[in-house]
Amino acid sequence: MEQFGRLLIITGVVIAFLGVILMLGPRLPFRIGRLPLDFSYERENVRFYFPLGTSILISLVLSLILAALKRR
């Protein structure tokens, strides 16, 4: 039960951190969803968006978080 409690606390901290980032989003020097490797194509009636850079960034952050949790 102790490990489950720690997991809930860490999950809550991560959710709170993401909430702060979303609140401060317009003031950040970079925009999630508009990173250099995010591809966007627009025409008259077609819009295509592929967030490759954002996906890579999220994958790296989640990998680091899960690796840190696994070491404990």
PDB file of N, CA and C in Angstrom:
ATOM      1  N   MET A   1       0.812  -1.197   0.000  1.00  0.00           N
ATOM      2  CA  MET A   1       0.000   0.000   0.000  1.00  0.00           C
ATOM      3  C   MET A   1       0.858   1.265   0.000  1.00  0.00           C
ATOM      4  N   GLU A   2       2.035   1.172   0.588  1.00  0.00           N
ATOM      5  CA  GLU A   2       2.909   2.336   0.660  1.00  0.00           C
ATOM      6  C   GLU A   2       3.355   2.775  -0.739  1.00  0.00           C
ATOM      7  N   GLN A   3       3.676   1.817  -1.601  1.00  0.00           N
ATOM      8  CA  GLN A   3       4.101   2.146  -2.960  1.00  0.00           C
ATOM      9  C   GLN A   3       2.960   2.761  -3.759  1.00  0.00           C
ATOM     10  N   PHE A   4       1.752   2.278  -3.544  1.00  0.00           N
ATOM     11  CA  PHE A   4       0.596   2.843  -4.236  1.00  0.00           C
ATOM     12  C   PHE A   4       0.375   4.288  -3.806  1.00  0.00           C
ATOM     13  N   GLY A   5       0.567   4.580  -2.532  1.00  0.00           N
ATOM     14  CA  GLY A   5       0.448   5.951  -2.049  1.00  0.00           C
ATOM     15  C   GLY A   5       1.477   6.862  -2.690  1.00  0.00           C
ATOM     16  N   ARG A   6       2.707   6.388  -2.798  1.00  0.00           N
ATOM     17  CA  ARG A   6       3.750   7.181  -3.463  1.00  0.00           C
ATOM     18  C   ARG A   6       3.397   7.427  -4.923  1.00  0.00           C
ATOM     19  N   LEU A   7       2.881   6.399  -5.588  1.00  0.00           N
ATOM     20  CA  LEU A   7       2.498   6.542  -6.981  1.00  0.00           C
ATOM     21  C   LEU A   7       1.407   7.604  -7.139  1.00  0.00           C
ATOM     22  N   LEU A   8       0.428   7.602  -6.252  1.00  0.00           N
ATOM     23  CA  LEU A   8      -0.640   8.601  -6.319  1.00  0.00           C
ATOM     24  C   LEU A   8      -0.103  10.008  -6.090  1.00  0.00           C
ATOM     25  N   ILE A   9       0.828  10.163  -5.153  1.00  0.00           N
ATOM     26  CA  ILE A   9       1.412  11.477  -4.889  1.00  0.00           C
ATOM     27  C   ILE A   9       2.207  11.964  -6.092  1.00  0.00           C
ATOM     28  N   ILE A  10       3.015  11.109  -6.678  1.00  0.00           N
ATOM     29  CA  ILE A  10       3.812  11.498  -7.842  1.00  0.00           C
ATOM     30  C   ILE A  10       2.913  11.823  -9.022  1.00  0.00           C
ATOM     31  N   THR A  11       1.866  11.030  -9.204  1.00  0.00           N
ATOM     32  CA  THR A  11       0.919  11.315 -10.285  1.00  0.00           C
ATOM     33  C   THR A  11       0.263  12.670 -10.085  1.00  0.00           C
ATOM     34  N   GLY A  12      -0.108  12.990  -8.865  1.00  0.00           N
ATOM     35  CA  GLY A  12      -0.709  14.284  -8.564  1.00  0.00           C
ATOM     36  C   GLY A  12       0.242  15.438  -8.831  1.00  0.00           C
ATOM     37  N   VAL A  13       1.507  15.264  -8.487  1.00  0.00           N
ATOM     38  CA  VAL A  13       2.499  16.313  -8.734  1.00  0.00           C
ATOM     39  C   VAL A  13       2.692  16.520 -10.234  1.00  0.00           C
ATOM     40  N   VAL A  14       2.744  15.432 -10.995  1.00  0.00           N
ATOM     41  CA  VAL A  14       2.909  15.540 -12.444  1.00  0.00           C
ATOM     42  C   VAL A  14       1.705  16.240 -13.070  1.00  0.00           C
ATOM     43  N   ILE A  15       0.504  15.910 -12.627  1.00  0.00           N
ATOM     44  CA  ILE A  15      -0.707  16.555 -13.148  1.00  0.00           C
ATOM     45  C   ILE A  15      -0.722  18.033 -12.792  1.00  0.00           C
ATOM     46  N   ALA A  16      -0.320  18.379 -11.571  1.00  0.00           N
ATOM     47  CA  ALA A  16      -0.259  19.785 -11.180  1.00  0.00           C
ATOM     48  C   ALA A  16       0.773  20.541 -12.019  1.00  0.00           C
ATOM     49  N   PHE A  17       1.927  19.915 -12.275  1.00  0.00           N
ATOM     50  CA  PHE A  17       2.958  20.536 -13.096  1.00  0.00           C
ATOM     51  C   PHE A  17       2.449  20.780 -14.513  1.00  0.00           C
ATOM     52  N   LEU A  18       1.762  19.800 -15.084  1.00  0.00           N
ATOM     53  CA  LEU A  18       1.193  19.981 -16.414  1.00  0.00           C
ATOM     54  C   LEU A  18       0.137  21.084 -16.428  1.00  0.00           C
ATOM     55  N   GLY A  19      -0.630  21.198 -15.373  1.00  0.00           N
ATOM     56  CA  GLY A  19      -1.616  22.265 -15.272  1.00  0.00           C
ATOM     57  C   GLY A  19      -0.974  23.634 -15.255  1.00  0.00           C
ATOM     58  N   VAL A  20       0.126  23.772 -14.530  1.00  0.00           N
ATOM     59  CA  VAL A  20       0.846  25.054 -14.497  1.00  0.00           C
ATOM     60  C   VAL A  20       1.408  25.392 -15.875  1.00  0.00           C
ATOM     61  N   ILE A  21       1.953  24.390 -16.553  1.00  0.00           N
ATOM     62  CA  ILE A  21       2.493  24.623 -17.900  1.00  0.00           C
ATOM     63  C   ILE A  21       1.381  25.065 -18.850  1.00  0.00           C
ATOM     64  N   LEU A  22       0.216  24.435 -18.757  1.00  0.00           N
ATOM     65  CA  LEU A  22      -0.898  24.820 -19.621  1.00  0.00           C
ATOM     66  C   LEU A  22      -1.400  26.222 -19.297  1.00  0.00           C
ATOM     67  N   MET A  23      -1.390  26.602 -18.033  1.00  0.00           N
ATOM     68  CA  MET A  23      -1.822  27.948 -17.652  1.00  0.00           C
ATOM     69  C   MET A  23      -0.848  29.007 -18.158  1.00  0.00           C
ATOM     70  N   LEU A  24       0.452  28.699 -18.111  1.00  0.00           N
ATOM     71  CA  LEU A  24       1.462  29.648 -18.536  1.00  0.00           C
ATOM     72  C   LEU A  24       1.817  29.499 -20.013  1.00  0.00           C
ATOM     73  N   GLY A  25       1.130  28.640 -20.721  1.00  0.00           N
ATOM     74  CA  GLY A  25       1.433  28.329 -22.110  1.00  0.00           C
ATOM     75  C   GLY A  25       1.699  29.517 -23.008  1.00  0.00           C
ATOM     76  N   PRO A  26       0.810  30.517 -23.049  1.00  0.00           N
ATOM     77  CA  PRO A  26       1.050  31.655 -23.952  1.00  0.00           C
ATOM     78  C   PRO A  26       2.286  32.479 -23.583  1.00  0.00           C
ATOM     79  N   ARG A  27       2.747  32.396 -22.355  1.00  0.00           N
ATOM     80  CA  ARG A  27       3.903  33.192 -21.919  1.00  0.00           C
ATOM     81  C   ARG A  27       5.234  32.470 -22.085  1.00  0.00           C
ATOM     82  N   LEU A  28       5.198  31.180 -22.407  1.00  0.00           N
ATOM     83  CA  LEU A  28       6.428  30.418 -22.563  1.00  0.00           C
ATOM     84  C   LEU A  28       7.127  30.789 -23.869  1.00  0.00           C
ATOM     85  N   PRO A  29       8.464  30.708 -23.906  1.00  0.00           N
ATOM     86  CA  PRO A  29       9.181  31.076 -25.133  1.00  0.00           C
ATOM     87  C   PRO A  29       8.976  30.071 -26.273  1.00  0.00           C
ATOM     88  N   PHE A  30       8.494  28.884 -25.994  1.00  0.00           N
ATOM     89  CA  PHE A  30       8.202  27.898 -27.023  1.00  0.00           C
ATOM     90  C   PHE A  30       6.746  27.492 -26.903  1.00  0.00           C
ATOM     91  N   ARG A  31       6.192  27.056 -27.971  1.00  0.00           N
ATOM     92  CA  ARG A  31       4.788  26.635 -27.987  1.00  0.00           C
ATOM     93  C   ARG A  31       4.715  25.132 -28.223  1.00  0.00           C
ATOM     94  N   ILE A  32       4.120  24.432 -27.275  1.00  0.00           N
ATOM     95  CA  ILE A  32       3.889  23.005 -27.474  1.00  0.00           C
ATOM     96  C   ILE A  32       2.903  22.879 -28.632  1.00  0.00           C
ATOM     97  N   GLY A  33       3.242  22.063 -29.604  1.00  0.00           N
ATOM     98  CA  GLY A  33       2.409  21.932 -30.787  1.00  0.00           C
ATOM     99  C   GLY A  33       2.906  22.756 -31.948  1.00  0.00           C
ATOM    100  N   ARG A  34       3.904  23.605 -31.709  1.00  0.00           N
ATOM    101  CA  ARG A  34       4.486  24.409 -32.784  1.00  0.00           C
ATOM    102  C   ARG A  34       6.004  24.374 -32.705  1.00  0.00           C
ATOM    103  N   LEU A  35       6.530  23.208 -32.454  1.00  0.00           N
ATOM    104  CA  LEU A  35       7.971  23.023 -32.386  1.00  0.00           C
ATOM    105  C   LEU A  35       8.536  22.854 -33.791  1.00  0.00           C
ATOM    106  N   PRO A  36       9.866  22.927 -33.953  1.00  0.00           N
ATOM    107  CA  PRO A  36      10.449  22.878 -35.296  1.00  0.00           C
ATOM    108  C   PRO A  36      10.089  21.649 -36.137  1.00  0.00           C
ATOM    109  N   LEU A  37       9.901  20.496 -35.548  1.00  0.00           N
ATOM    110  CA  LEU A  37       9.578  19.304 -36.338  1.00  0.00           C
ATOM    111  C   LEU A  37       8.084  19.034 -36.458  1.00  0.00           C
ATOM    112  N   ASP A  38       7.253  19.976 -36.078  1.00  0.00           N
ATOM    113  CA  ASP A  38       5.805  19.828 -36.239  1.00  0.00           C
ATOM    114  C   ASP A  38       5.432  20.290 -37.641  1.00  0.00           C
ATOM    115  N   PHE A  39       4.882  19.372 -38.431  1.00  0.00           N
ATOM    116  CA  PHE A  39       4.570  19.669 -39.816  1.00  0.00           C
ATOM    117  C   PHE A  39       3.116  20.087 -39.958  1.00  0.00           C
ATOM    118  N   SER A  40       2.902  21.147 -40.719  1.00  0.00           N
ATOM    119  CA  SER A  40       1.562  21.649 -40.956  1.00  0.00           C
ATOM    120  C   SER A  40       1.404  21.963 -42.440  1.00  0.00           C
ATOM    121  N   TYR A  41       0.301  21.523 -43.012  1.00  0.00           N
ATOM    122  CA  TYR A  41       0.010  21.752 -44.426  1.00  0.00           C
ATOM    123  C   TYR A  41      -1.427  22.229 -44.534  1.00  0.00           C
ATOM    124  N   GLU A  42      -1.625  23.379 -45.145  1.00  0.00           N
ATOM    125  CA  GLU A  42      -2.973  23.921 -45.294  1.00  0.00           C
ATOM    126  C   GLU A  42      -3.217  24.345 -46.732  1.00  0.00           C
ATOM    127  N   ARG A  43      -4.394  24.007 -47.215  1.00  0.00           N
ATOM    128  CA  ARG A  43      -4.881  24.452 -48.519  1.00  0.00           C
ATOM    129  C   ARG A  43      -6.291  24.975 -48.313  1.00  0.00           C
ATOM    130  N   GLU A  44      -6.981  25.230 -49.388  1.00  0.00           N
ATOM    131  CA  GLU A  44      -8.323  25.804 -49.297  1.00  0.00           C
ATOM    132  C   GLU A  44      -9.265  24.982 -48.422  1.00  0.00           C
ATOM    133  N   ASN A  45      -9.357  23.691 -48.678  1.00  0.00           N
ATOM    134  CA  ASN A  45     -10.292  22.860 -47.920  1.00  0.00           C
ATOM    135  C   ASN A  45      -9.617  21.661 -47.260  1.00  0.00           C
ATOM    136  N   VAL A  46      -8.278  21.700 -47.132  1.00  0.00           N
ATOM    137  CA  VAL A  46      -7.533  20.603 -46.535  1.00  0.00           C
ATOM    138  C   VAL A  46      -6.577  21.150 -45.488  1.00  0.00           C
ATOM    139  N   ARG A  47      -6.562  20.502 -44.345  1.00  0.00           N
ATOM    140  CA  ARG A  47      -5.616  20.873 -43.292  1.00  0.00           C
ATOM    141  C   ARG A  47      -5.019  19.586 -42.733  1.00  0.00           C
ATOM    142  N   PHE A  48      -3.681  19.501 -42.756  1.00  0.00           N
ATOM    143  CA  PHE A  48      -2.975  18.328 -42.251  1.00  0.00           C
ATOM    144  C   PHE A  48      -1.944  18.799 -41.238  1.00  0.00           C
ATOM    145  N   TYR A  49      -1.921  18.150 -40.086  1.00  0.00           N
ATOM    146  CA  TYR A  49      -0.982  18.523 -39.029  1.00  0.00           C
ATOM    147  C   TYR A  49      -0.386  17.258 -38.438  1.00  0.00           C
ATOM    148  N   PHE A  50       0.946  17.187 -38.406  1.00  0.00           N
ATOM    149  CA  PHE A  50       1.641  16.037 -37.851  1.00  0.00           C
ATOM    150  C   PHE A  50       2.647  16.528 -36.815  1.00  0.00           C
ATOM    151  N   PRO A  51       2.363  16.369 -35.508  1.00  0.00           N
ATOM    152  CA  PRO A  51       3.215  16.922 -34.436  1.00  0.00           C
ATOM    153  C   PRO A  51       4.407  16.017 -34.091  1.00  0.00           C
ATOM    154  N   LEU A  52       5.344  15.856 -34.992  1.00  0.00           N
ATOM    155  CA  LEU A  52       6.477  14.981 -34.764  1.00  0.00           C
ATOM    156  C   LEU A  52       7.377  15.510 -33.639  1.00  0.00           C
ATOM    157  N   GLY A  53       7.705  16.789 -33.665  1.00  0.00           N
ATOM    158  CA  GLY A  53       8.565  17.369 -32.630  1.00  0.00           C
ATOM    159  C   GLY A  53       7.935  17.302 -31.245  1.00  0.00           C
ATOM    160  N   THR A  54       6.657  17.600 -31.164  1.00  0.00           N
ATOM    161  CA  THR A  54       5.950  17.519 -29.892  1.00  0.00           C
ATOM    162  C   THR A  54       5.895  16.081 -29.391  1.00  0.00           C
ATOM    163  N   SER A  55       5.680  15.134 -30.288  1.00  0.00           N
ATOM    164  CA  SER A  55       5.640  13.720 -29.900  1.00  0.00           C
ATOM    165  C   SER A  55       6.990  13.257 -29.354  1.00  0.00           C
ATOM    166  N   ILE A  56       8.062  13.674 -29.999  1.00  0.00           N
ATOM    167  CA  ILE A  56       9.401  13.310 -29.528  1.00  0.00           C
ATOM    168  C   ILE A  56       9.665  13.905 -28.148  1.00  0.00           C
ATOM    169  N   LEU A  57       9.300  15.174 -27.961  1.00  0.00           N
ATOM    170  CA  LEU A  57       9.509  15.831 -26.668  1.00  0.00           C
ATOM    171  C   LEU A  57       8.721  15.144 -25.558  1.00  0.00           C
ATOM    172  N   ILE A  58       7.468  14.843 -25.803  1.00  0.00           N
ATOM    173  CA  ILE A  58       6.637  14.176 -24.799  1.00  0.00           C
ATOM    174  C   ILE A  58       7.189  12.782 -24.495  1.00  0.00           C
ATOM    175  N   SER A  59       7.640  12.075 -25.515  1.00  0.00           N
ATOM    176  CA  SER A  59       8.209  10.755 -25.315  1.00  0.00           C
ATOM    177  C   SER A  59       9.462  10.806 -24.444  1.00  0.00           C
ATOM    178  N   LEU A  60      10.328  11.777 -24.686  1.00  0.00           N
ATOM    179  CA  LEU A  60      11.543  11.925 -23.879  1.00  0.00           C
ATOM    180  C   LEU A  60      11.217  12.242 -22.424  1.00  0.00           C
ATOM    181  N   VAL A  61      10.289  13.160 -22.214  1.00  0.00           N
ATOM    182  CA  VAL A  61       9.921  13.544 -20.844  1.00  0.00           C
ATOM    183  C   VAL A  61       9.302  12.361 -20.102  1.00  0.00           C
ATOM    184  N   LEU A  62       8.390  11.651 -20.746  1.00  0.00           N
ATOM    185  CA  LEU A  62       7.773  10.502 -20.087  1.00  0.00           C
ATOM    186  C   LEU A  62       8.780   9.390 -19.831  1.00  0.00           C
ATOM    187  N   SER A  63       9.727   9.185 -20.739  1.00  0.00           N
ATOM    188  CA  SER A  63      10.762   8.170 -20.531  1.00  0.00           C
ATOM    189  C   SER A  63      11.631   8.508 -19.330  1.00  0.00           C
ATOM    190  N   LEU A  64      11.981   9.785 -19.197  1.00  0.00           N
ATOM    191  CA  LEU A  64      12.785  10.206 -18.043  1.00  0.00           C
ATOM    192  C   LEU A  64      12.020  10.039 -16.735  1.00  0.00           C
ATOM    193  N   ILE A  65      10.749  10.378 -16.737  1.00  0.00           N
ATOM    194  CA  ILE A  65       9.936  10.244 -15.528  1.00  0.00           C
ATOM    195  C   ILE A  65       9.796   8.777 -15.141  1.00  0.00           C
ATOM    196  N   LEU A  66       9.496   7.925 -16.110  1.00  0.00           N
ATOM    197  CA  LEU A  66       9.325   6.501 -15.808  1.00  0.00           C
ATOM    198  C   LEU A  66      10.649   5.851 -15.401  1.00  0.00           C
ATOM    199  N   ALA A  67      11.754   6.268 -15.980  1.00  0.00           N
ATOM    200  CA  ALA A  67      13.055   5.735 -15.574  1.00  0.00           C
ATOM    201  C   ALA A  67      13.381   6.144 -14.148  1.00  0.00           C
ATOM    202  N   ALA A  68      13.046   7.369 -13.770  1.00  0.00           N
ATOM    203  CA  ALA A  68      13.289   7.826 -12.410  1.00  0.00           C
ATOM    204  C   ALA A  68      12.411   7.068 -11.417  1.00  0.00           C
ATOM    205  N   LEU A  69      11.181   6.776 -11.796  1.00  0.00           N
ATOM    206  CA  LEU A  69      10.293   6.024 -10.913  1.00  0.00           C
ATOM    207  C   LEU A  69      10.729   4.568 -10.774  1.00  0.00           C
ATOM    208  N   LYS A  70      11.268   4.005 -11.838  1.00  0.00           N
ATOM    209  CA  LYS A  70      11.669   2.601 -11.815  1.00  0.00           C
ATOM    210  C   LYS A  70      12.893   2.375 -10.930  1.00  0.00           C
ATOM    211  N   ARG A  71      13.764   3.363 -10.813  1.00  0.00           N
ATOM    212  CA  ARG A  71      14.980   3.220 -10.019  1.00  0.00           C
ATOM    213  C   ARG A  71      14.701   3.202  -8.534  1.00  0.00           C
ATOM    214  N   ARG A  72      13.575   3.677  -8.112  1.00  0.00           N
ATOM    215  CA  ARG A  72      13.270   3.731  -6.682  1.00  0.00           C
ATOM    216  C   ARG A  72      12.886   2.423  -6.152  1.00  0.00           C
TER     217      ARG A  72
END
